[in-house]
Amino acid sequence: MTDLEGTQASTVGDDSRAGFSPLAMLGVATVGALGLTWFLVSWLVLGSPLTDAIGETVGSLAVILLIVSIIGAARADDSPGRG
């Protein structure tokens, strides 16, 4: 008999489901819609070349994600129960 034959499977985390909250899903949808809108405005309305429009969109989304990350880190640092 090996060490693994007599052990039971772990049940840690089986009942909990990881996922996004409704507010997080709304935020993701909003950021996606803003990115798509900025891409279309840059490419079709302003007449930027396709690669420039893609680059502007990726850069804009990177800045938005950086801001969200900073806000999330600040909120986690101020959460009750620390210290």
Protein backbone atom coordinates (compact mmCIF):
# COMPACT_ATOMS: atom_id res chain seq x y z
CA MET A 1 0.00 0.00 0.00
CA THR A 2 1.37 3.39 -0.96
CA ASP A 3 0.94 6.61 0.96
CA LEU A 4 -1.71 7.87 -1.45
CA GLU A 5 -4.05 4.87 -1.44
CA GLY A 6 -5.49 5.42 2.02
CA THR A 7 -6.05 9.18 1.78
CA GLN A 8 -9.29 10.88 0.89
CA ALA A 9 -9.62 13.58 -1.71
CA SER A 10 -9.47 17.11 -0.40
CA THR A 11 -12.77 18.93 -0.18
CA VAL A 12 -11.27 22.36 0.41
CA GLY A 13 -12.95 24.92 -1.81
CA ASP A 14 -15.41 22.49 -3.41
CA ASP A 15 -18.46 24.43 -2.24
CA SER A 16 -17.15 27.88 -3.07
CA ARG A 17 -17.24 29.13 -6.61
CA ALA A 18 -14.66 31.62 -7.72
CA GLY A 19 -16.04 34.29 -9.99
CA PHE A 20 -16.69 37.93 -10.57
CA SER A 21 -19.18 39.93 -8.59
CA PRO A 22 -21.89 41.68 -10.61
CA LEU A 23 -20.11 45.00 -10.06
CA ALA A 24 -16.85 43.56 -11.39
CA MET A 25 -18.62 42.16 -14.47
CA LEU A 26 -20.17 45.58 -15.09
CA GLY A 27 -16.73 47.17 -14.80
CA VAL A 28 -15.19 44.70 -17.25
CA ALA A 29 -18.03 45.27 -19.72
CA THR A 30 -17.65 49.05 -19.36
CA VAL A 31 -13.90 48.97 -19.95
CA GLY A 32 -14.39 46.69 -22.96
CA ALA A 33 -17.06 48.97 -24.42
CA LEU A 34 -14.87 52.04 -23.88
CA GLY A 35 -11.92 50.30 -25.54
CA LEU A 36 -13.97 49.27 -28.55
CA THR A 37 -15.49 52.73 -28.82
CA TRP A 38 -12.08 54.41 -28.66
CA PHE A 39 -10.73 52.04 -31.31
CA LEU A 40 -13.62 52.76 -33.69
CA VAL A 41 -13.43 56.52 -33.13
CA SER A 42 -9.68 56.54 -33.70
CA TRP A 43 -9.79 54.33 -36.76
CA LEU A 44 -12.98 55.38 -38.53
CA VAL A 45 -13.68 58.94 -37.38
CA LEU A 46 -10.20 60.34 -36.91
CA GLY A 47 -8.76 58.36 -39.82
CA SER A 48 -5.79 56.86 -37.97
CA PRO A 49 -4.10 53.90 -39.62
CA LEU A 50 -5.29 50.56 -38.25
CA THR A 51 -2.06 49.81 -36.40
CA ASP A 52 -2.04 53.25 -34.78
CA ALA A 53 -5.66 52.85 -33.69
CA ILE A 54 -4.85 49.46 -32.15
CA GLY A 55 -1.81 50.92 -30.39
CA GLU A 56 -3.80 53.83 -28.99
CA THR A 57 -6.49 51.46 -27.74
CA VAL A 58 -4.01 49.11 -26.07
CA GLY A 59 -2.24 52.05 -24.43
CA SER A 60 -5.50 53.52 -23.20
CA LEU A 61 -6.64 50.19 -21.76
CA ALA A 62 -3.27 49.74 -20.06
CA VAL A 63 -3.66 53.12 -18.34
CA ILE A 64 -7.22 52.24 -17.26
CA LEU A 65 -6.06 48.91 -15.84
CA LEU A 66 -3.20 50.63 -14.02
CA ILE A 67 -5.64 53.06 -12.40
CA VAL A 68 -7.97 50.20 -11.41
CA SER A 69 -5.02 48.32 -9.94
CA ILE A 70 -3.92 51.31 -7.88
CA ILE A 71 -7.46 51.86 -6.58
CA GLY A 72 -7.80 48.17 -5.73
CA ALA A 73 -4.50 48.15 -3.86
CA ALA A 74 -5.47 51.27 -1.91
CA ARG A 75 -8.84 49.77 -0.99
CA ALA A 76 -7.24 46.51 0.13
CA ASP A 77 -4.75 48.43 2.26
CA ASP A 78 -7.54 50.38 3.99
CA SER A 79 -9.73 47.32 4.56
CA PRO A 80 -10.87 46.67 8.15
CA GLY A 81 -9.14 43.94 10.08
CA ARG A 82 -5.59 44.97 9.26
CA GLY A 83 -3.07 45.60 11.97
